[in-house]
Amino acid sequence: MIDFELKLMMENPEWCLVLNHYSQLQLQAKAQNPEFDGWVVRQNGVTGVVAERLPRIHGKLIAFDLLKFQIAGRDSGVFYQVTREGEKMLPKLEEIIHNISVQEDPESDFPYSKSA
């Protein structure tokens, strides 16, 4: 991980929320199905993020190798998965994500309250 990427993530809290959202969806799906392959359908809404910004945020996270994608087909759409680098970065961003969640919901418990 490059310090530049971490700095950019800290300067863009919405990016942190999106990365965390996908990570939590992956964890939840894996808990429900041990055979889950890690791919999550594209999210068009993430709490705390303006929907119109999501396409650009997806692109930035992909560009910095924090999120990867696959196109499953014309009918299935796009799927995303947090990369190894993305998972390594999340603990370093925990405080930022927690602070955003607390501002939105003072009774939240990071990281699970804003992920679904």
C-alpha atoms as a PDB file:
ATOM      1  CA  MET A   1       0.000   0.000   0.000  1.00  0.00           C
ATOM      2  CA  ILE A   2       1.259   3.430  -0.899  1.00  0.00           C
ATOM      3  CA  ASP A   3       0.946   6.325   1.553  1.00  0.00           C
ATOM      4  CA  PHE A   4      -0.555   8.380  -1.275  1.00  0.00           C
ATOM      5  CA  GLU A   5      -3.529   6.002  -1.541  1.00  0.00           C
ATOM      6  CA  LEU A   6      -4.130   6.097   2.200  1.00  0.00           C
ATOM      7  CA  LYS A   7      -3.963   9.894   2.152  1.00  0.00           C
ATOM      8  CA  LEU A   8      -6.489  10.054  -0.688  1.00  0.00           C
ATOM      9  CA  MET A   9      -8.836   7.721   1.157  1.00  0.00           C
ATOM     10  CA  MET A  10      -8.623   9.866   4.285  1.00  0.00           C
ATOM     11  CA  GLU A  11      -9.381  12.971   2.221  1.00  0.00           C
ATOM     12  CA  ASN A  12     -12.411  11.298   0.634  1.00  0.00           C
ATOM     13  CA  PRO A  13     -14.545   9.755   3.383  1.00  0.00           C
ATOM     14  CA  GLU A  14     -17.204   8.643   0.890  1.00  0.00           C
ATOM     15  CA  TRP A  15     -14.622   6.337  -0.699  1.00  0.00           C
ATOM     16  CA  CYS A  16     -14.078   4.781   2.723  1.00  0.00           C
ATOM     17  CA  LEU A  17     -17.812   4.207   3.149  1.00  0.00           C
ATOM     18  CA  VAL A  18     -18.130   2.494  -0.227  1.00  0.00           C
ATOM     19  CA  LEU A  19     -15.121   0.238   0.357  1.00  0.00           C
ATOM     20  CA  ASN A  20     -16.388  -0.672   3.816  1.00  0.00           C
ATOM     21  CA  HIS A  21     -19.889  -1.314   2.449  1.00  0.00           C
ATOM     22  CA  TYR A  22     -18.619  -3.902  -0.040  1.00  0.00           C
ATOM     23  CA  SER A  23     -16.388  -5.500   2.582  1.00  0.00           C
ATOM     24  CA  GLN A  24     -19.298  -5.884   4.992  1.00  0.00           C
ATOM     25  CA  LEU A  25     -21.562  -7.321   2.286  1.00  0.00           C
ATOM     26  CA  GLN A  26     -18.859  -9.878   1.473  1.00  0.00           C
ATOM     27  CA  LEU A  27     -18.492 -10.823   5.150  1.00  0.00           C
ATOM     28  CA  GLN A  28     -22.245 -11.165   5.629  1.00  0.00           C
ATOM     29  CA  ALA A  29     -22.664 -13.288   2.506  1.00  0.00           C
ATOM     30  CA  LYS A  30     -19.748 -15.520   3.514  1.00  0.00           C
ATOM     31  CA  ALA A  31     -21.267 -15.995   6.979  1.00  0.00           C
ATOM     32  CA  GLN A  32     -24.557 -17.095   5.397  1.00  0.00           C
ATOM     33  CA  ASN A  33     -22.960 -19.249   2.708  1.00  0.00           C
ATOM     34  CA  PRO A  34     -19.460 -20.661   3.257  1.00  0.00           C
ATOM     35  CA  GLU A  35     -19.241 -21.381  -0.488  1.00  0.00           C
ATOM     36  CA  PHE A  36     -19.777 -17.701  -1.386  1.00  0.00           C
ATOM     37  CA  ASP A  37     -17.286 -16.651  -4.083  1.00  0.00           C
ATOM     38  CA  GLY A  38     -16.795 -13.075  -2.818  1.00  0.00           C
ATOM     39  CA  TRP A  39     -18.476 -11.226  -5.679  1.00  0.00           C
ATOM     40  CA  VAL A  40     -21.176  -8.715  -4.719  1.00  0.00           C
ATOM     41  CA  VAL A  41     -23.632  -7.191  -7.153  1.00  0.00           C
ATOM     42  CA  ARG A  42     -23.013  -3.494  -7.874  1.00  0.00           C
ATOM     43  CA  GLN A  43     -24.503  -1.283  -5.187  1.00  0.00           C
ATOM     44  CA  ASN A  44     -26.497   1.724  -6.355  1.00  0.00           C
ATOM     45  CA  GLY A  45     -26.956   3.092  -2.865  1.00  0.00           C
ATOM     46  CA  VAL A  46     -24.573   3.367   0.088  1.00  0.00           C
ATOM     47  CA  THR A  47     -25.590   5.148   3.279  1.00  0.00           C
ATOM     48  CA  GLY A  48     -23.748   8.438   3.577  1.00  0.00           C
ATOM     49  CA  VAL A  49     -22.874   8.650  -0.126  1.00  0.00           C
ATOM     50  CA  VAL A  50     -24.691  10.690  -2.767  1.00  0.00           C
ATOM     51  CA  ALA A  51     -25.868   8.183  -5.390  1.00  0.00           C
ATOM     52  CA  GLU A  52     -24.653  10.326  -8.297  1.00  0.00           C
ATOM     53  CA  ARG A  53     -21.075  10.031  -6.980  1.00  0.00           C
ATOM     54  CA  LEU A  54     -21.037   6.234  -6.820  1.00  0.00           C
ATOM     55  CA  PRO A  55     -19.876   5.577 -10.416  1.00  0.00           C
ATOM     56  CA  ARG A  56     -16.857   7.840  -9.960  1.00  0.00           C
ATOM     57  CA  ILE A  57     -16.073   6.369  -6.534  1.00  0.00           C
ATOM     58  CA  HIS A  58     -16.242   2.842  -7.976  1.00  0.00           C
ATOM     59  CA  GLY A  59     -13.785   3.955 -10.660  1.00  0.00           C
ATOM     60  CA  LYS A  60     -11.368   5.498  -8.151  1.00  0.00           C
ATOM     61  CA  LEU A  61     -11.409   2.411  -5.930  1.00  0.00           C
ATOM     62  CA  ILE A  62     -10.732   0.213  -8.964  1.00  0.00           C
ATOM     63  CA  ALA A  63      -7.930   2.518 -10.149  1.00  0.00           C
ATOM     64  CA  PHE A  64      -6.204   2.274  -6.774  1.00  0.00           C
ATOM     65  CA  ASP A  65      -6.597  -1.538  -6.713  1.00  0.00           C
ATOM     66  CA  LEU A  66      -8.886  -1.469  -3.688  1.00  0.00           C
ATOM     67  CA  LEU A  67     -11.902  -2.866  -5.527  1.00  0.00           C
ATOM     68  CA  LYS A  68     -12.082  -5.160  -8.549  1.00  0.00           C
ATOM     69  CA  PHE A  69     -14.952  -5.902 -10.873  1.00  0.00           C
ATOM     70  CA  GLN A  70     -16.244  -8.510 -13.236  1.00  0.00           C
ATOM     71  CA  ILE A  71     -18.992  -8.340 -15.796  1.00  0.00           C
ATOM     72  CA  ALA A  72     -21.132 -11.394 -15.362  1.00  0.00           C
ATOM     73  CA  GLY A  73     -23.156 -10.974 -18.513  1.00  0.00           C
ATOM     74  CA  ARG A  74     -25.703  -8.798 -20.167  1.00  0.00           C
ATOM     75  CA  ASP A  75     -28.499  -9.844 -17.812  1.00  0.00           C
ATOM     76  CA  SER A  76     -26.500 -10.286 -14.598  1.00  0.00           C
ATOM     77  CA  GLY A  77     -24.652  -6.965 -14.538  1.00  0.00           C
ATOM     78  CA  VAL A  78     -21.467  -5.928 -12.786  1.00  0.00           C
ATOM     79  CA  PHE A  79     -20.092  -7.515  -9.624  1.00  0.00           C
ATOM     80  CA  TYR A  80     -17.459  -6.127  -7.248  1.00  0.00           C
ATOM     81  CA  GLN A  81     -15.033  -7.559  -4.737  1.00  0.00           C
ATOM     82  CA  VAL A  82     -12.713  -5.834  -2.266  1.00  0.00           C
ATOM     83  CA  THR A  83      -9.103  -6.632  -3.139  1.00  0.00           C
ATOM     84  CA  ARG A  84      -6.442  -7.821  -0.724  1.00  0.00           C
ATOM     85  CA  GLU A  85      -5.051  -4.257  -0.676  1.00  0.00           C
ATOM     86  CA  GLY A  86      -8.515  -2.921   0.090  1.00  0.00           C
ATOM     87  CA  GLU A  87      -8.899  -5.299   3.026  1.00  0.00           C
ATOM     88  CA  LYS A  88      -5.476  -4.256   4.339  1.00  0.00           C
ATOM     89  CA  MET A  89      -6.443  -0.597   4.133  1.00  0.00           C
ATOM     90  CA  LEU A  90      -9.811  -0.872   5.923  1.00  0.00           C
ATOM     91  CA  PRO A  91      -8.406  -1.164   9.472  1.00  0.00           C
ATOM     92  CA  LYS A  92      -6.418   2.018   8.886  1.00  0.00           C
ATOM     93  CA  LEU A  93      -9.623   3.784   7.843  1.00  0.00           C
ATOM     94  CA  GLU A  94     -11.758   2.431  10.685  1.00  0.00           C
ATOM     95  CA  GLU A  95     -11.721   5.674  12.677  1.00  0.00           C
ATOM     96  CA  ILE A  96     -12.860   7.743   9.689  1.00  0.00           C
ATOM     97  CA  ILE A  97     -15.673   5.317   8.884  1.00  0.00           C
ATOM     98  CA  HIS A  98     -16.708   5.172  12.536  1.00  0.00           C
ATOM     99  CA  ASN A  99     -16.790   8.971  12.831  1.00  0.00           C
ATOM    100  CA  ILE A 100     -18.976   9.268   9.732  1.00  0.00           C
ATOM    101  CA  SER A 101     -21.344   6.601  11.050  1.00  0.00           C
ATOM    102  CA  VAL A 102     -21.598   8.259  14.458  1.00  0.00           C
ATOM    103  CA  GLN A 103     -22.442  11.597  12.844  1.00  0.00           C
ATOM    104  CA  GLU A 104     -25.287   9.940  10.953  1.00  0.00           C
ATOM    105  CA  ASP A 105     -26.432   7.609  13.748  1.00  0.00           C
ATOM    106  CA  PRO A 106     -25.050   8.237  17.259  1.00  0.00           C
ATOM    107  CA  GLU A 107     -26.182   4.765  18.384  1.00  0.00           C
ATOM    108  CA  SER A 108     -24.239   2.925  15.675  1.00  0.00           C
ATOM    109  CA  ASP A 109     -21.632   0.237  16.343  1.00  0.00           C
ATOM    110  CA  PHE A 110     -18.875   0.148  13.737  1.00  0.00           C
ATOM    111  CA  PRO A 111     -18.668  -1.539  11.329  1.00  0.00           C
ATOM    112  CA  TYR A 112     -21.978  -3.340  11.075  1.00  0.00           C
ATOM    113  CA  SER A 113     -24.605  -0.639  11.480  1.00  0.00           C
ATOM    114  CA  LYS A 114     -24.187   1.034   8.084  1.00  0.00           C
ATOM    115  CA  SER A 115     -23.332  -1.880   5.887  1.00  0.00           C
ATOM    116  CA  ALA A 116     -26.620  -3.278   4.711  1.00  0.00           C
END
